[in-house]
N, C-alpha and C. Protein backbone atom coordinates (compact mmCIF):
# COMPACT_ATOMS: atom_id res chain seq x y z
N UNK A 1 -10.41 -18.89 -27.38
CA UNK A 1 -8.96 -18.91 -27.38
C UNK A 1 -8.50 -20.09 -26.55
N UNK A 2 -7.21 -20.43 -26.68
CA UNK A 2 -6.67 -21.60 -26.01
C UNK A 2 -6.41 -21.41 -24.54
N UNK A 3 -5.78 -22.43 -23.96
CA UNK A 3 -5.53 -22.44 -22.52
C UNK A 3 -4.13 -21.95 -22.20
N UNK A 4 -3.50 -21.18 -23.06
CA UNK A 4 -2.11 -20.80 -22.88
C UNK A 4 -1.90 -19.35 -22.44
N UNK A 5 -2.97 -18.64 -22.13
CA UNK A 5 -2.81 -17.25 -21.71
C UNK A 5 -2.45 -17.16 -20.24
N UNK A 6 -1.52 -16.28 -19.94
CA UNK A 6 -1.19 -15.98 -18.55
C UNK A 6 -0.89 -14.49 -18.44
N UNK A 7 -1.40 -13.89 -17.37
CA UNK A 7 -1.20 -12.46 -17.13
C UNK A 7 -0.50 -12.32 -15.79
N UNK A 8 0.63 -11.64 -15.79
CA UNK A 8 1.39 -11.40 -14.57
C UNK A 8 1.20 -9.95 -14.15
N UNK A 9 1.05 -9.74 -12.85
CA UNK A 9 0.86 -8.38 -12.32
C UNK A 9 1.89 -8.11 -11.24
N UNK A 10 2.18 -6.82 -11.05
CA UNK A 10 3.08 -6.45 -9.95
C UNK A 10 2.90 -4.97 -9.62
N UNK A 11 3.30 -4.63 -8.41
CA UNK A 11 3.30 -3.25 -7.94
C UNK A 11 4.63 -2.96 -7.27
N UNK A 12 5.04 -1.70 -7.29
CA UNK A 12 6.34 -1.35 -6.73
C UNK A 12 6.30 0.06 -6.15
N UNK A 13 7.12 0.27 -5.12
CA UNK A 13 7.27 1.59 -4.51
C UNK A 13 8.75 1.85 -4.30
N UNK A 14 9.23 2.98 -4.86
CA UNK A 14 10.63 3.38 -4.69
C UNK A 14 10.71 4.90 -4.67
N UNK A 15 11.58 5.43 -3.83
CA UNK A 15 11.81 6.87 -3.75
C UNK A 15 10.51 7.67 -3.60
N UNK A 16 9.57 7.14 -2.84
CA UNK A 16 8.32 7.85 -2.58
C UNK A 16 7.32 7.83 -3.71
N UNK A 17 7.60 7.07 -4.77
CA UNK A 17 6.68 6.97 -5.91
C UNK A 17 6.21 5.53 -6.05
N UNK A 18 5.03 5.38 -6.67
CA UNK A 18 4.40 4.05 -6.76
C UNK A 18 4.01 3.75 -8.20
N UNK A 19 4.28 2.52 -8.63
CA UNK A 19 3.91 2.08 -9.97
C UNK A 19 3.33 0.68 -9.95
N UNK A 20 2.55 0.35 -10.97
CA UNK A 20 2.02 -1.00 -11.11
C UNK A 20 1.95 -1.35 -12.59
N UNK A 21 1.90 -2.64 -12.86
CA UNK A 21 1.90 -3.08 -14.26
C UNK A 21 1.33 -4.48 -14.39
N UNK A 22 0.91 -4.79 -15.61
CA UNK A 22 0.58 -6.18 -15.94
C UNK A 22 1.16 -6.48 -17.31
N UNK A 23 1.43 -7.75 -17.55
CA UNK A 23 1.96 -8.18 -18.84
C UNK A 23 1.24 -9.47 -19.24
N UNK A 24 0.84 -9.54 -20.52
CA UNK A 24 0.08 -10.69 -21.03
C UNK A 24 1.00 -11.56 -21.88
N UNK A 25 0.98 -12.86 -21.58
CA UNK A 25 1.74 -13.84 -22.35
C UNK A 25 0.79 -14.83 -22.99
N UNK A 26 1.13 -15.22 -24.21
CA UNK A 26 0.47 -16.35 -24.85
C UNK A 26 1.55 -17.40 -25.00
N UNK A 27 1.47 -18.44 -24.18
CA UNK A 27 2.59 -19.38 -24.09
C UNK A 27 3.76 -18.65 -23.47
N UNK A 28 4.89 -18.62 -24.18
CA UNK A 28 6.07 -17.89 -23.68
C UNK A 28 6.27 -16.57 -24.42
N UNK A 29 5.32 -16.20 -25.28
CA UNK A 29 5.43 -14.96 -26.05
C UNK A 29 4.66 -13.83 -25.37
N UNK A 30 5.35 -12.71 -25.15
CA UNK A 30 4.69 -11.52 -24.60
C UNK A 30 3.88 -10.87 -25.71
N UNK A 31 2.58 -10.66 -25.45
CA UNK A 31 1.76 -10.05 -26.50
C UNK A 31 1.31 -8.63 -26.16
N UNK A 32 1.32 -8.26 -24.88
CA UNK A 32 0.92 -6.90 -24.52
C UNK A 32 1.29 -6.61 -23.07
N UNK A 33 1.35 -5.32 -22.74
CA UNK A 33 1.57 -4.92 -21.35
C UNK A 33 0.99 -3.52 -21.14
N UNK A 34 0.78 -3.18 -19.90
CA UNK A 34 0.39 -1.82 -19.51
C UNK A 34 1.04 -1.51 -18.18
N UNK A 35 1.40 -0.24 -18.01
CA UNK A 35 1.99 0.19 -16.74
C UNK A 35 1.37 1.51 -16.32
N UNK A 36 1.28 1.71 -15.01
CA UNK A 36 0.57 2.85 -14.46
C UNK A 36 1.34 3.43 -13.29
N UNK A 37 1.35 4.75 -13.23
CA UNK A 37 1.90 5.41 -12.04
C UNK A 37 0.73 5.79 -11.15
N UNK A 38 0.83 5.47 -9.87
CA UNK A 38 -0.21 5.78 -8.90
C UNK A 38 0.22 6.96 -8.05
N UNK A 39 -0.74 7.57 -7.38
CA UNK A 39 -0.42 8.71 -6.51
C UNK A 39 0.57 8.27 -5.43
N UNK A 40 1.41 9.21 -5.01
CA UNK A 40 2.52 8.89 -4.12
C UNK A 40 2.09 8.37 -2.75
N UNK A 41 0.85 8.64 -2.35
CA UNK A 41 0.38 8.16 -1.05
C UNK A 41 -0.08 6.70 -1.11
N UNK A 42 -0.06 6.09 -2.29
CA UNK A 42 -0.52 4.70 -2.45
C UNK A 42 0.48 3.73 -1.84
N UNK A 43 -0.05 2.62 -1.38
CA UNK A 43 0.80 1.55 -0.83
C UNK A 43 1.13 0.56 -1.94
N UNK A 44 2.11 -0.31 -1.69
CA UNK A 44 2.43 -1.37 -2.65
C UNK A 44 1.22 -2.29 -2.80
N UNK A 45 0.53 -2.54 -1.69
CA UNK A 45 -0.68 -3.37 -1.74
C UNK A 45 -1.69 -2.80 -2.73
N UNK A 46 -1.94 -1.48 -2.65
CA UNK A 46 -2.90 -0.88 -3.58
C UNK A 46 -2.39 -0.94 -5.02
N UNK A 47 -1.08 -0.83 -5.20
CA UNK A 47 -0.50 -0.95 -6.54
C UNK A 47 -0.74 -2.36 -7.09
N UNK A 48 -0.58 -3.37 -6.24
CA UNK A 48 -0.83 -4.76 -6.66
C UNK A 48 -2.30 -4.95 -7.02
N UNK A 49 -3.18 -4.43 -6.17
CA UNK A 49 -4.63 -4.56 -6.40
C UNK A 49 -5.03 -3.83 -7.68
N UNK A 50 -4.47 -2.64 -7.89
CA UNK A 50 -4.79 -1.86 -9.09
C UNK A 50 -4.36 -2.61 -10.35
N UNK A 51 -3.16 -3.22 -10.31
CA UNK A 51 -2.67 -3.98 -11.47
C UNK A 51 -3.59 -5.16 -11.77
N UNK A 52 -4.04 -5.84 -10.73
CA UNK A 52 -4.96 -6.97 -10.94
C UNK A 52 -6.28 -6.48 -11.52
N UNK A 53 -6.78 -5.37 -11.01
CA UNK A 53 -8.03 -4.80 -11.53
C UNK A 53 -7.91 -4.49 -13.03
N UNK A 54 -6.82 -3.85 -13.41
CA UNK A 54 -6.61 -3.50 -14.82
C UNK A 54 -6.44 -4.76 -15.67
N UNK A 55 -5.74 -5.76 -15.12
CA UNK A 55 -5.54 -7.02 -15.86
C UNK A 55 -6.88 -7.73 -16.08
N UNK A 56 -7.73 -7.76 -15.06
CA UNK A 56 -9.06 -8.38 -15.19
C UNK A 56 -9.87 -7.64 -16.26
N UNK A 57 -9.82 -6.32 -16.25
CA UNK A 57 -10.52 -5.54 -17.29
C UNK A 57 -10.03 -5.91 -18.68
N UNK A 58 -8.71 -6.07 -18.83
CA UNK A 58 -8.13 -6.42 -20.13
C UNK A 58 -8.53 -7.83 -20.57
N UNK A 59 -8.54 -8.77 -19.64
CA UNK A 59 -8.96 -10.15 -19.94
C UNK A 59 -10.41 -10.15 -20.43
N UNK A 60 -11.26 -9.41 -19.74
CA UNK A 60 -12.68 -9.34 -20.13
C UNK A 60 -12.83 -8.67 -21.49
N UNK A 61 -12.08 -7.58 -21.72
CA UNK A 61 -12.14 -6.87 -23.00
C UNK A 61 -11.71 -7.77 -24.16
N UNK A 62 -10.66 -8.55 -23.95
CA UNK A 62 -10.15 -9.44 -25.00
C UNK A 62 -10.95 -10.74 -25.12
N UNK A 63 -11.86 -10.97 -24.19
CA UNK A 63 -12.67 -12.19 -24.16
C UNK A 63 -11.81 -13.45 -24.13
N UNK A 64 -10.80 -13.43 -23.30
CA UNK A 64 -9.95 -14.60 -23.13
C UNK A 64 -10.73 -15.62 -22.30
N UNK A 65 -10.94 -16.81 -22.88
CA UNK A 65 -11.80 -17.81 -22.24
C UNK A 65 -11.16 -18.43 -21.00
N UNK A 66 -9.88 -18.65 -21.05
CA UNK A 66 -9.21 -19.33 -19.94
C UNK A 66 -7.88 -18.62 -19.69
N UNK A 67 -7.70 -18.14 -18.48
CA UNK A 67 -6.51 -17.34 -18.21
C UNK A 67 -6.01 -17.59 -16.80
N UNK A 68 -4.70 -17.64 -16.65
CA UNK A 68 -4.07 -17.65 -15.33
C UNK A 68 -3.64 -16.23 -15.02
N UNK A 69 -4.16 -15.67 -13.95
CA UNK A 69 -3.79 -14.33 -13.49
C UNK A 69 -2.84 -14.53 -12.31
N UNK A 70 -1.58 -14.16 -12.50
CA UNK A 70 -0.53 -14.54 -11.56
C UNK A 70 0.08 -13.31 -10.89
N UNK A 71 0.18 -13.36 -9.57
CA UNK A 71 0.76 -12.27 -8.79
C UNK A 71 1.74 -12.84 -7.77
N UNK A 72 2.66 -11.99 -7.33
CA UNK A 72 3.58 -12.41 -6.26
C UNK A 72 3.15 -11.85 -4.90
N UNK A 73 1.94 -11.32 -4.83
CA UNK A 73 1.43 -10.72 -3.60
C UNK A 73 0.41 -11.64 -2.92
N UNK A 74 0.85 -12.31 -1.86
CA UNK A 74 -0.07 -13.18 -1.12
C UNK A 74 -1.18 -12.39 -0.45
N UNK A 75 -0.83 -11.20 0.06
CA UNK A 75 -1.84 -10.40 0.77
C UNK A 75 -2.98 -9.99 -0.18
N UNK A 76 -2.64 -9.71 -1.42
CA UNK A 76 -3.68 -9.36 -2.40
C UNK A 76 -4.57 -10.56 -2.69
N UNK A 77 -3.96 -11.72 -2.88
CA UNK A 77 -4.76 -12.92 -3.12
C UNK A 77 -5.64 -13.26 -1.92
N UNK A 78 -5.09 -13.11 -0.71
CA UNK A 78 -5.89 -13.38 0.49
C UNK A 78 -7.10 -12.46 0.55
N UNK A 79 -6.91 -11.19 0.22
CA UNK A 79 -8.04 -10.26 0.25
C UNK A 79 -9.06 -10.60 -0.84
N UNK A 80 -8.60 -11.09 -1.98
CA UNK A 80 -9.53 -11.47 -3.05
C UNK A 80 -10.30 -12.74 -2.72
N UNK A 81 -9.72 -13.62 -1.92
CA UNK A 81 -10.40 -14.86 -1.52
C UNK A 81 -11.18 -14.71 -0.22
N UNK A 82 -10.98 -13.61 0.49
CA UNK A 82 -11.63 -13.42 1.79
C UNK A 82 -13.14 -13.21 1.65
N UNK A 83 -13.88 -13.85 2.54
CA UNK A 83 -15.34 -13.67 2.57
C UNK A 83 -15.73 -12.46 3.39
N UNK A 84 -14.79 -11.91 4.14
CA UNK A 84 -15.08 -10.77 5.02
C UNK A 84 -14.49 -9.46 4.50
N UNK A 85 -14.06 -9.44 3.27
CA UNK A 85 -13.44 -8.23 2.70
C UNK A 85 -14.46 -7.10 2.64
N UNK A 86 -14.05 -5.90 3.10
CA UNK A 86 -14.96 -4.76 3.13
C UNK A 86 -14.59 -3.67 2.13
N UNK A 87 -13.39 -3.72 1.57
CA UNK A 87 -12.97 -2.66 0.65
C UNK A 87 -13.69 -2.81 -0.69
N UNK A 88 -14.36 -1.75 -1.09
CA UNK A 88 -15.18 -1.76 -2.31
C UNK A 88 -14.35 -2.08 -3.55
N UNK A 89 -13.15 -1.52 -3.63
CA UNK A 89 -12.31 -1.71 -4.80
C UNK A 89 -12.00 -3.19 -5.01
N UNK A 90 -11.70 -3.89 -3.93
CA UNK A 90 -11.37 -5.32 -4.01
C UNK A 90 -12.63 -6.14 -4.30
N UNK A 91 -13.73 -5.80 -3.64
CA UNK A 91 -14.99 -6.52 -3.89
C UNK A 91 -15.47 -6.33 -5.32
N UNK A 92 -15.17 -5.19 -5.93
CA UNK A 92 -15.51 -4.96 -7.33
C UNK A 92 -14.74 -5.93 -8.23
N UNK A 93 -13.47 -6.15 -7.93
CA UNK A 93 -12.67 -7.12 -8.71
C UNK A 93 -13.28 -8.51 -8.56
N UNK A 94 -13.63 -8.88 -7.33
CA UNK A 94 -14.22 -10.20 -7.07
C UNK A 94 -15.50 -10.39 -7.88
N UNK A 95 -16.33 -9.35 -7.94
CA UNK A 95 -17.58 -9.43 -8.72
C UNK A 95 -17.28 -9.63 -10.21
N UNK A 96 -16.30 -8.89 -10.72
CA UNK A 96 -15.95 -9.01 -12.15
C UNK A 96 -15.48 -10.42 -12.49
N UNK A 97 -14.61 -10.97 -11.63
CA UNK A 97 -14.08 -12.32 -11.86
C UNK A 97 -15.20 -13.35 -11.79
N UNK A 98 -16.08 -13.21 -10.79
CA UNK A 98 -17.17 -14.18 -10.60
C UNK A 98 -18.19 -14.13 -11.73
N UNK A 99 -18.46 -12.95 -12.26
CA UNK A 99 -19.51 -12.82 -13.29
C UNK A 99 -18.98 -13.02 -14.71
N UNK A 100 -17.67 -13.14 -14.88
CA UNK A 100 -17.09 -13.29 -16.21
C UNK A 100 -17.43 -14.67 -16.77
N UNK A 101 -17.78 -14.72 -18.07
CA UNK A 101 -18.15 -15.98 -18.72
C UNK A 101 -16.97 -16.93 -18.88
N UNK A 102 -15.78 -16.38 -19.04
CA UNK A 102 -14.60 -17.22 -19.14
C UNK A 102 -14.12 -17.64 -17.75
N UNK A 103 -12.93 -18.19 -17.71
CA UNK A 103 -12.39 -18.63 -16.42
C UNK A 103 -11.08 -17.90 -16.15
N UNK A 104 -11.03 -17.22 -14.99
CA UNK A 104 -9.82 -16.52 -14.56
C UNK A 104 -9.32 -17.22 -13.30
N UNK A 105 -8.16 -17.85 -13.41
CA UNK A 105 -7.55 -18.55 -12.27
C UNK A 105 -6.55 -17.62 -11.59
N UNK A 106 -6.80 -17.30 -10.34
CA UNK A 106 -5.87 -16.47 -9.58
C UNK A 106 -4.79 -17.36 -8.99
N UNK A 107 -3.52 -17.02 -9.27
CA UNK A 107 -2.41 -17.86 -8.81
C UNK A 107 -1.32 -17.00 -8.20
N UNK A 108 -0.52 -17.63 -7.35
CA UNK A 108 0.60 -16.96 -6.70
C UNK A 108 1.91 -17.55 -7.20
N UNK A 109 2.91 -16.68 -7.37
CA UNK A 109 4.26 -17.11 -7.71
C UNK A 109 5.22 -16.39 -6.77
N UNK A 110 6.28 -17.07 -6.39
CA UNK A 110 7.26 -16.46 -5.50
C UNK A 110 8.02 -15.36 -6.24
N UNK A 111 8.19 -14.22 -5.57
CA UNK A 111 8.85 -13.07 -6.20
C UNK A 111 10.35 -13.32 -6.37
N UNK A 112 10.90 -12.75 -7.41
CA UNK A 112 12.35 -12.73 -7.67
C UNK A 112 12.97 -14.13 -7.69
N UNK A 113 12.23 -15.07 -8.27
CA UNK A 113 12.74 -16.44 -8.41
C UNK A 113 13.06 -16.75 -9.87
N UNK A 114 13.04 -15.74 -10.73
CA UNK A 114 13.40 -15.94 -12.12
C UNK A 114 12.24 -16.31 -13.03
N UNK A 115 11.01 -16.27 -12.55
CA UNK A 115 9.85 -16.53 -13.41
C UNK A 115 9.75 -15.38 -14.40
N UNK A 116 9.84 -15.71 -15.70
CA UNK A 116 9.95 -14.69 -16.74
C UNK A 116 8.83 -13.64 -16.66
N UNK A 117 7.59 -14.07 -16.58
CA UNK A 117 6.47 -13.13 -16.55
C UNK A 117 6.47 -12.25 -15.32
N UNK A 118 6.81 -12.83 -14.18
CA UNK A 118 6.85 -12.06 -12.94
C UNK A 118 7.98 -11.03 -12.96
N UNK A 119 9.13 -11.43 -13.47
CA UNK A 119 10.27 -10.50 -13.57
C UNK A 119 9.95 -9.35 -14.52
N UNK A 120 9.25 -9.67 -15.60
CA UNK A 120 8.87 -8.63 -16.58
C UNK A 120 7.87 -7.65 -15.96
N UNK A 121 6.87 -8.16 -15.24
CA UNK A 121 5.88 -7.30 -14.58
C UNK A 121 6.56 -6.43 -13.52
N UNK A 122 7.51 -7.00 -12.79
CA UNK A 122 8.26 -6.25 -11.78
C UNK A 122 9.05 -5.12 -12.43
N UNK A 123 9.71 -5.42 -13.55
CA UNK A 123 10.48 -4.41 -14.29
C UNK A 123 9.57 -3.28 -14.76
N UNK A 124 8.40 -3.63 -15.32
CA UNK A 124 7.47 -2.61 -15.82
C UNK A 124 6.89 -1.75 -14.70
N UNK A 125 6.61 -2.37 -13.54
CA UNK A 125 6.08 -1.61 -12.40
C UNK A 125 7.12 -0.60 -11.92
N UNK A 126 8.39 -1.00 -11.92
CA UNK A 126 9.46 -0.07 -11.52
C UNK A 126 9.66 1.01 -12.58
N UNK A 127 9.47 0.66 -13.83
CA UNK A 127 9.58 1.63 -14.92
C UNK A 127 8.44 2.66 -14.84
N UNK A 128 7.26 2.22 -14.42
CA UNK A 128 6.10 3.11 -14.30
C UNK A 128 6.33 4.20 -13.27
N UNK A 129 7.17 3.93 -12.29
CA UNK A 129 7.48 4.92 -11.24
C UNK A 129 8.06 6.19 -11.84
N UNK A 130 8.81 6.05 -12.92
CA UNK A 130 9.49 7.19 -13.54
C UNK A 130 8.58 8.02 -14.45
N UNK A 131 7.35 7.57 -14.68
CA UNK A 131 6.42 8.35 -15.51
C UNK A 131 6.14 9.68 -14.82
N UNK A 132 6.06 10.74 -15.59
CA UNK A 132 5.77 12.06 -15.03
C UNK A 132 4.31 12.18 -14.62
N UNK A 133 3.43 11.68 -15.48
CA UNK A 133 2.00 11.82 -15.24
C UNK A 133 1.48 10.70 -14.36
N UNK A 134 0.67 11.07 -13.37
CA UNK A 134 0.05 10.08 -12.49
C UNK A 134 -1.23 9.58 -13.15
N UNK A 135 -1.36 8.25 -13.27
CA UNK A 135 -2.51 7.65 -13.94
C UNK A 135 -3.70 7.44 -13.01
N UNK A 136 -3.43 7.25 -11.72
CA UNK A 136 -4.51 6.97 -10.77
C UNK A 136 -4.22 7.62 -9.43
N UNK A 137 -5.18 8.41 -8.97
CA UNK A 137 -5.08 9.05 -7.65
C UNK A 137 -5.94 8.28 -6.66
N UNK A 138 -5.34 7.91 -5.55
CA UNK A 138 -6.09 7.30 -4.44
C UNK A 138 -6.12 8.31 -3.31
N UNK A 139 -7.29 8.53 -2.76
CA UNK A 139 -7.42 9.40 -1.60
C UNK A 139 -6.81 8.74 -0.37
N UNK A 140 -6.57 9.54 0.65
CA UNK A 140 -6.02 8.99 1.88
C UNK A 140 -7.06 8.10 2.54
N UNK A 141 -6.58 7.05 3.17
CA UNK A 141 -7.46 6.15 3.92
C UNK A 141 -7.79 6.78 5.27
N UNK A 142 -8.73 6.18 5.99
CA UNK A 142 -9.09 6.67 7.32
C UNK A 142 -7.88 6.70 8.23
N UNK A 143 -7.11 5.63 8.21
CA UNK A 143 -5.94 5.55 9.10
C UNK A 143 -4.89 6.59 8.72
N UNK A 144 -4.72 6.84 7.41
CA UNK A 144 -3.78 7.88 6.99
C UNK A 144 -4.25 9.26 7.45
N UNK A 145 -5.55 9.53 7.33
CA UNK A 145 -6.10 10.81 7.78
C UNK A 145 -5.93 10.99 9.28
N UNK A 146 -6.16 9.92 10.05
CA UNK A 146 -5.97 9.99 11.50
C UNK A 146 -4.52 10.29 11.85
N UNK A 147 -3.60 9.61 11.16
CA UNK A 147 -2.18 9.83 11.42
C UNK A 147 -1.77 11.25 11.07
N UNK A 148 -2.25 11.77 9.93
CA UNK A 148 -1.94 13.15 9.54
C UNK A 148 -2.47 14.14 10.56
N UNK A 149 -3.70 13.93 11.03
CA UNK A 149 -4.29 14.83 12.04
C UNK A 149 -3.52 14.76 13.35
N UNK A 150 -3.15 13.57 13.75
CA UNK A 150 -2.39 13.39 14.99
C UNK A 150 -1.03 14.08 14.91
N UNK A 151 -0.33 13.90 13.80
CA UNK A 151 0.98 14.54 13.62
C UNK A 151 0.87 16.06 13.59
N UNK A 152 -0.18 16.57 12.95
CA UNK A 152 -0.38 18.02 12.91
C UNK A 152 -0.67 18.56 14.30
N UNK A 153 -1.50 17.84 15.06
CA UNK A 153 -1.81 18.25 16.43
C UNK A 153 -0.55 18.28 17.30
N UNK A 154 0.28 17.26 17.18
CA UNK A 154 1.52 17.21 17.96
C UNK A 154 2.44 18.36 17.57
N UNK A 155 2.53 18.65 16.27
CA UNK A 155 3.39 19.74 15.80
C UNK A 155 2.91 21.08 16.32
N UNK A 156 1.59 21.33 16.28
CA UNK A 156 1.03 22.58 16.82
C UNK A 156 1.28 22.69 18.32
N UNK A 157 1.09 21.59 19.02
CA UNK A 157 1.32 21.55 20.46
C UNK A 157 2.78 21.85 20.77
N UNK A 158 3.69 21.22 20.00
CA UNK A 158 5.13 21.43 20.21
C UNK A 158 5.50 22.89 19.96
N UNK A 159 4.98 23.49 18.90
CA UNK A 159 5.27 24.90 18.59
C UNK A 159 4.76 25.82 19.69
N UNK A 160 3.54 25.55 20.18
CA UNK A 160 2.98 26.36 21.26
C UNK A 160 3.81 26.23 22.53
N UNK A 161 4.22 25.01 22.81
CA UNK A 161 5.02 24.74 24.01
C UNK A 161 6.39 25.41 23.93
N UNK A 162 7.02 25.34 22.75
CA UNK A 162 8.35 25.95 22.56
C UNK A 162 8.30 27.47 22.69
N UNK A 163 7.21 28.08 22.24
CA UNK A 163 7.12 29.54 22.28
C UNK A 163 6.59 30.08 23.62
N UNK A 164 6.17 29.20 24.51
CA UNK A 164 5.64 29.61 25.81
C UNK A 164 6.76 30.06 26.75
N UNK A 165 6.46 31.06 27.58
CA UNK A 165 7.43 31.52 28.58
C UNK A 165 7.37 30.64 29.83
N UNK A 166 6.31 29.89 29.98
CA UNK A 166 6.14 29.02 31.14
C UNK A 166 6.70 27.62 30.85
N UNK A 167 7.00 26.88 31.91
CA UNK A 167 7.39 25.48 31.78
C UNK A 167 8.82 25.24 31.34
N UNK A 168 9.73 26.18 31.59
CA UNK A 168 11.12 26.00 31.16
C UNK A 168 11.77 24.79 31.82
N UNK A 169 11.49 24.58 33.11
CA UNK A 169 12.07 23.45 33.83
C UNK A 169 11.56 22.13 33.24
N UNK A 170 10.27 22.06 32.99
CA UNK A 170 9.69 20.84 32.40
C UNK A 170 10.29 20.58 31.02
N UNK A 171 10.46 21.63 30.22
CA UNK A 171 11.05 21.47 28.88
C UNK A 171 12.49 20.98 28.96
N UNK A 172 13.20 21.32 30.04
CA UNK A 172 14.58 20.86 30.16
C UNK A 172 14.63 19.34 30.37
N UNK A 173 13.59 18.76 31.00
CA UNK A 173 13.52 17.30 31.18
C UNK A 173 12.90 16.61 29.97
N UNK A 174 11.86 17.23 29.43
CA UNK A 174 11.10 16.65 28.32
C UNK A 174 11.06 17.66 27.18
N UNK A 175 12.04 17.55 26.27
CA UNK A 175 12.14 18.51 25.18
C UNK A 175 11.04 18.39 24.15
N UNK A 176 10.58 17.17 23.91
CA UNK A 176 9.55 16.94 22.89
C UNK A 176 8.23 16.56 23.53
N UNK A 177 7.17 16.89 22.84
CA UNK A 177 5.83 16.51 23.27
C UNK A 177 5.61 15.04 22.92
N UNK A 178 5.14 14.27 23.89
CA UNK A 178 4.81 12.86 23.66
C UNK A 178 3.37 12.62 24.08
N UNK A 179 2.71 11.73 23.37
CA UNK A 179 1.34 11.38 23.74
C UNK A 179 1.30 10.19 24.69
N UNK A 180 2.43 9.52 24.86
CA UNK A 180 2.47 8.37 25.75
C UNK A 180 2.57 8.83 27.20
N UNK A 181 2.01 8.04 28.06
CA UNK A 181 2.03 8.33 29.49
C UNK A 181 3.46 8.17 30.02
N UNK A 182 3.89 9.11 30.84
CA UNK A 182 5.22 9.05 31.45
C UNK A 182 5.12 8.16 32.68
N UNK A 183 5.98 7.15 32.74
CA UNK A 183 6.00 6.26 33.89
C UNK A 183 7.42 6.15 34.41
N UNK A 184 7.56 5.64 35.60
CA UNK A 184 8.89 5.45 36.18
C UNK A 184 8.99 6.15 37.51
N UNK A 185 10.19 6.14 38.08
CA UNK A 185 10.43 6.78 39.37
C UNK A 185 10.88 8.20 39.15
N UNK A 186 10.08 9.13 39.61
CA UNK A 186 10.41 10.55 39.51
C UNK A 186 10.29 11.18 40.88
N UNK A 187 11.05 12.21 41.10
CA UNK A 187 10.95 12.97 42.34
C UNK A 187 9.80 13.95 42.21
N UNK A 188 8.87 13.85 43.10
CA UNK A 188 7.78 14.82 43.15
C UNK A 188 8.05 15.78 44.30
N UNK A 189 7.34 16.87 44.28
CA UNK A 189 7.55 17.89 45.31
C UNK A 189 7.38 17.29 46.71
N UNK A 190 6.41 16.40 46.88
CA UNK A 190 6.19 15.77 48.19
C UNK A 190 7.39 14.91 48.59
N UNK A 191 8.05 14.25 47.61
CA UNK A 191 9.24 13.46 47.91
C UNK A 191 10.39 14.35 48.36
N UNK A 192 10.50 15.53 47.73
CA UNK A 192 11.57 16.46 48.12
C UNK A 192 11.39 16.90 49.57
N UNK A 193 10.15 17.22 49.94
CA UNK A 193 9.89 17.66 51.32
C UNK A 193 10.21 16.54 52.31
N UNK A 194 9.86 15.31 51.96
CA UNK A 194 10.08 14.20 52.86
C UNK A 194 11.56 13.87 53.02
N UNK A 195 12.28 13.79 51.90
CA UNK A 195 13.68 13.36 51.97
C UNK A 195 14.63 14.46 52.40
N UNK A 196 14.30 15.71 52.15
CA UNK A 196 15.21 16.80 52.51
C UNK A 196 14.70 17.61 53.70
N UNK A 197 13.63 17.16 54.29
CA UNK A 197 13.05 17.85 55.45
C UNK A 197 12.82 19.33 55.18
N UNK A 198 12.26 19.61 54.02
CA UNK A 198 11.99 21.01 53.65
C UNK A 198 10.66 21.43 54.22
């Protein structure tokens, strides 16, 4: 095939839902597109990566010899070019691109600048958000699991503290449980004895 193929990808998150899409152009003619709804815990970054992964699969399936794969996500491109990338999903894309017999050129375009393919991919990614069925589930990351566990621990601690008969005076000063160290000038019992001669 000729040198006129370009595939635009995008990811979007709105109202707690996530979508991604790619669109294939031959010259200025749109020839195909796909859009996907991702699990609600997904980030926009993962939506961008997922769209690129699906676009690479489609390029390989169609045996397009020369293609520009264009995204508006610099962070995604940086991770694809990084030599220290540890995420399996991204390294899998890198392997597919490197082992493909044709040529896939990864390119960046500025978002919302009126580039027809990018605007179309953005529109499709936002449209994918409204799909009822989720096409791809991503599990929580380590950092998400840590945050969930931390928040649950704080909530349990707060509930236990609120229902306790002890510590009413402390609760009047500090209504919420905090994990940060309390600093500053406070009156301690020893200060009271010293200043009031108790």
